[in-house]
Amino acid sequence: MMASVTSALRNALRQLEKERERIDRQITAIRSAVLDESGTARTPASPAKPNRSTPKRRPMSAAARRAVSQRMKAYWEKRKAAPGKGKA
């Protein structure tokens, strides 16, 4: 029984060593693709643009904020004063 366990462990060890060699080859290939001969990282031909999901907004002036505030206050006052729609 002990011989079969030892044999199974040896087989597993052999397979793992083969897999490690395969992974080491892949690491070497990736490193050579990423690094140039001097050992420094390669830079892309054109720099990548930052990925912005929303466009940059212009800042709002204090006067514009006041105007928006006044409009919204008037809107909510009118809405509160109106007879209830649908709510009981």
C-alpha atoms as a PDB file:
ATOM      1  CA  MET A   1       0.000   0.000   0.000  1.00  0.00           C
ATOM      2  CA  MET A   2       2.821   2.410   0.840  1.00  0.00           C
ATOM      3  CA  ALA A   3       4.463   1.689  -2.517  1.00  0.00           C
ATOM      4  CA  SER A   4       1.352   2.748  -4.434  1.00  0.00           C
ATOM      5  CA  VAL A   5       1.151   6.029  -2.475  1.00  0.00           C
ATOM      6  CA  THR A   6       4.838   6.733  -3.134  1.00  0.00           C
ATOM      7  CA  SER A   7       4.418   5.915  -6.811  1.00  0.00           C
ATOM      8  CA  ALA A   8       1.389   8.204  -7.082  1.00  0.00           C
ATOM      9  CA  LEU A   9       3.300  11.024  -5.390  1.00  0.00           C
ATOM     10  CA  ARG A  10       6.257  10.566  -7.754  1.00  0.00           C
ATOM     11  CA  ASN A  11       3.924  10.721 -10.769  1.00  0.00           C
ATOM     12  CA  ALA A  12       2.255  13.843  -9.426  1.00  0.00           C
ATOM     13  CA  LEU A  13       5.658  15.417  -8.809  1.00  0.00           C
ATOM     14  CA  ARG A  14       6.767  14.641 -12.381  1.00  0.00           C
ATOM     15  CA  GLN A  15       3.610  16.186 -13.809  1.00  0.00           C
ATOM     16  CA  LEU A  16       3.978  19.296 -11.682  1.00  0.00           C
ATOM     17  CA  GLU A  17       7.627  19.715 -12.744  1.00  0.00           C
ATOM     18  CA  LYS A  18       6.588  19.459 -16.403  1.00  0.00           C
ATOM     19  CA  GLU A  19       3.903  22.062 -15.842  1.00  0.00           C
ATOM     20  CA  ARG A  20       6.401  24.334 -14.096  1.00  0.00           C
ATOM     21  CA  GLU A  21       8.752  24.069 -17.096  1.00  0.00           C
ATOM     22  CA  ARG A  22       5.873  24.971 -19.430  1.00  0.00           C
ATOM     23  CA  ILE A  23       4.934  27.971 -17.280  1.00  0.00           C
ATOM     24  CA  ASP A  24       8.578  29.100 -17.121  1.00  0.00           C
ATOM     25  CA  ARG A  25       8.757  29.018 -20.936  1.00  0.00           C
ATOM     26  CA  GLN A  26       5.592  31.121 -21.155  1.00  0.00           C
ATOM     27  CA  ILE A  27       6.957  33.634 -18.633  1.00  0.00           C
ATOM     28  CA  THR A  28      10.166  33.931 -20.638  1.00  0.00           C
ATOM     29  CA  ALA A  29       8.230  34.500 -23.868  1.00  0.00           C
ATOM     30  CA  ILE A  30       6.052  37.183 -22.266  1.00  0.00           C
ATOM     31  CA  ARG A  31       9.051  38.930 -20.734  1.00  0.00           C
ATOM     32  CA  SER A  32      10.840  39.007 -24.068  1.00  0.00           C
ATOM     33  CA  ALA A  33       7.724  40.467 -25.699  1.00  0.00           C
ATOM     34  CA  VAL A  34       7.358  43.162 -23.030  1.00  0.00           C
ATOM     35  CA  LEU A  35      11.004  44.031 -22.456  1.00  0.00           C
ATOM     36  CA  ASP A  36      13.477  45.166 -25.071  1.00  0.00           C
ATOM     37  CA  GLU A  37      17.099  44.033 -25.251  1.00  0.00           C
ATOM     38  CA  SER A  38      18.307  46.528 -22.602  1.00  0.00           C
ATOM     39  CA  GLY A  39      15.834  45.171 -20.056  1.00  0.00           C
ATOM     40  CA  THR A  40      13.612  48.224 -19.978  1.00  0.00           C
ATOM     41  CA  ALA A  41       9.907  48.130 -20.665  1.00  0.00           C
ATOM     42  CA  ARG A  42       8.850  48.888 -24.208  1.00  0.00           C
ATOM     43  CA  THR A  43       6.656  51.913 -24.706  1.00  0.00           C
ATOM     44  CA  PRO A  44       3.734  51.820 -27.101  1.00  0.00           C
ATOM     45  CA  ALA A  45       4.054  53.718 -30.395  1.00  0.00           C
ATOM     46  CA  SER A  46       1.305  56.147 -29.401  1.00  0.00           C
ATOM     47  CA  PRO A  47       0.294  56.782 -25.810  1.00  0.00           C
ATOM     48  CA  ALA A  48      -3.111  55.427 -24.893  1.00  0.00           C
ATOM     49  CA  LYS A  49      -5.854  57.968 -24.304  1.00  0.00           C
ATOM     50  CA  PRO A  50      -7.428  57.929 -20.860  1.00  0.00           C
ATOM     51  CA  ASN A  51     -10.703  56.045 -20.831  1.00  0.00           C
ATOM     52  CA  ARG A  52     -13.365  58.553 -19.816  1.00  0.00           C
ATOM     53  CA  SER A  53     -16.907  57.318 -19.630  1.00  0.00           C
ATOM     54  CA  THR A  54     -18.311  60.833 -19.216  1.00  0.00           C
ATOM     55  CA  PRO A  55     -17.089  64.008 -20.895  1.00  0.00           C
ATOM     56  CA  LYS A  56     -15.401  66.629 -18.750  1.00  0.00           C
ATOM     57  CA  ARG A  57     -17.877  69.273 -17.576  1.00  0.00           C
ATOM     58  CA  ARG A  58     -17.201  72.974 -17.455  1.00  0.00           C
ATOM     59  CA  PRO A  59     -17.323  74.569 -14.019  1.00  0.00           C
ATOM     60  CA  MET A  60     -20.460  76.513 -13.106  1.00  0.00           C
ATOM     61  CA  SER A  61     -20.113  80.115 -11.972  1.00  0.00           C
ATOM     62  CA  ALA A  62     -21.583  81.328  -8.712  1.00  0.00           C
ATOM     63  CA  ALA A  63     -24.170  83.379 -10.595  1.00  0.00           C
ATOM     64  CA  ALA A  64     -25.231  80.338 -12.614  1.00  0.00           C
ATOM     65  CA  ARG A  65     -25.561  78.256  -9.422  1.00  0.00           C
ATOM     66  CA  ARG A  66     -27.742  80.972  -7.862  1.00  0.00           C
ATOM     67  CA  ALA A  67     -29.961  81.082 -10.947  1.00  0.00           C
ATOM     68  CA  VAL A  68     -30.390  77.292 -10.924  1.00  0.00           C
ATOM     69  CA  SER A  69     -31.135  77.392  -7.192  1.00  0.00           C
ATOM     70  CA  GLN A  70     -33.822  80.038  -7.640  1.00  0.00           C
ATOM     71  CA  ARG A  71     -35.431  78.142 -10.528  1.00  0.00           C
ATOM     72  CA  MET A  72     -35.523  74.907  -8.528  1.00  0.00           C
ATOM     73  CA  LYS A  73     -36.982  76.625  -5.463  1.00  0.00           C
ATOM     74  CA  ALA A  74     -39.726  78.125  -7.627  1.00  0.00           C
ATOM     75  CA  TYR A  75     -40.336  74.716  -9.238  1.00  0.00           C
ATOM     76  CA  TRP A  76     -40.733  72.946  -5.878  1.00  0.00           C
ATOM     77  CA  GLU A  77     -42.915  75.700  -4.417  1.00  0.00           C
ATOM     78  CA  LYS A  78     -45.243  75.435  -7.411  1.00  0.00           C
ATOM     79  CA  ARG A  79     -45.250  71.652  -7.210  1.00  0.00           C
ATOM     80  CA  LYS A  80     -46.049  71.603  -3.477  1.00  0.00           C
ATOM     81  CA  ALA A  81     -48.836  74.159  -3.935  1.00  0.00           C
ATOM     82  CA  ALA A  82     -50.494  72.192  -6.747  1.00  0.00           C
ATOM     83  CA  PRO A  83     -53.323  69.829  -5.755  1.00  0.00           C
ATOM     84  CA  GLY A  84     -52.081  66.268  -5.133  1.00  0.00           C
ATOM     85  CA  LYS A  85     -51.941  64.086  -8.199  1.00  0.00           C
ATOM     86  CA  GLY A  86     -52.345  60.402  -7.532  1.00  0.00           C
ATOM     87  CA  LYS A  87     -51.166  60.536  -3.909  1.00  0.00           C
ATOM     88  CA  ALA A  88     -53.767  60.167  -1.215  1.00  0.00           C
END
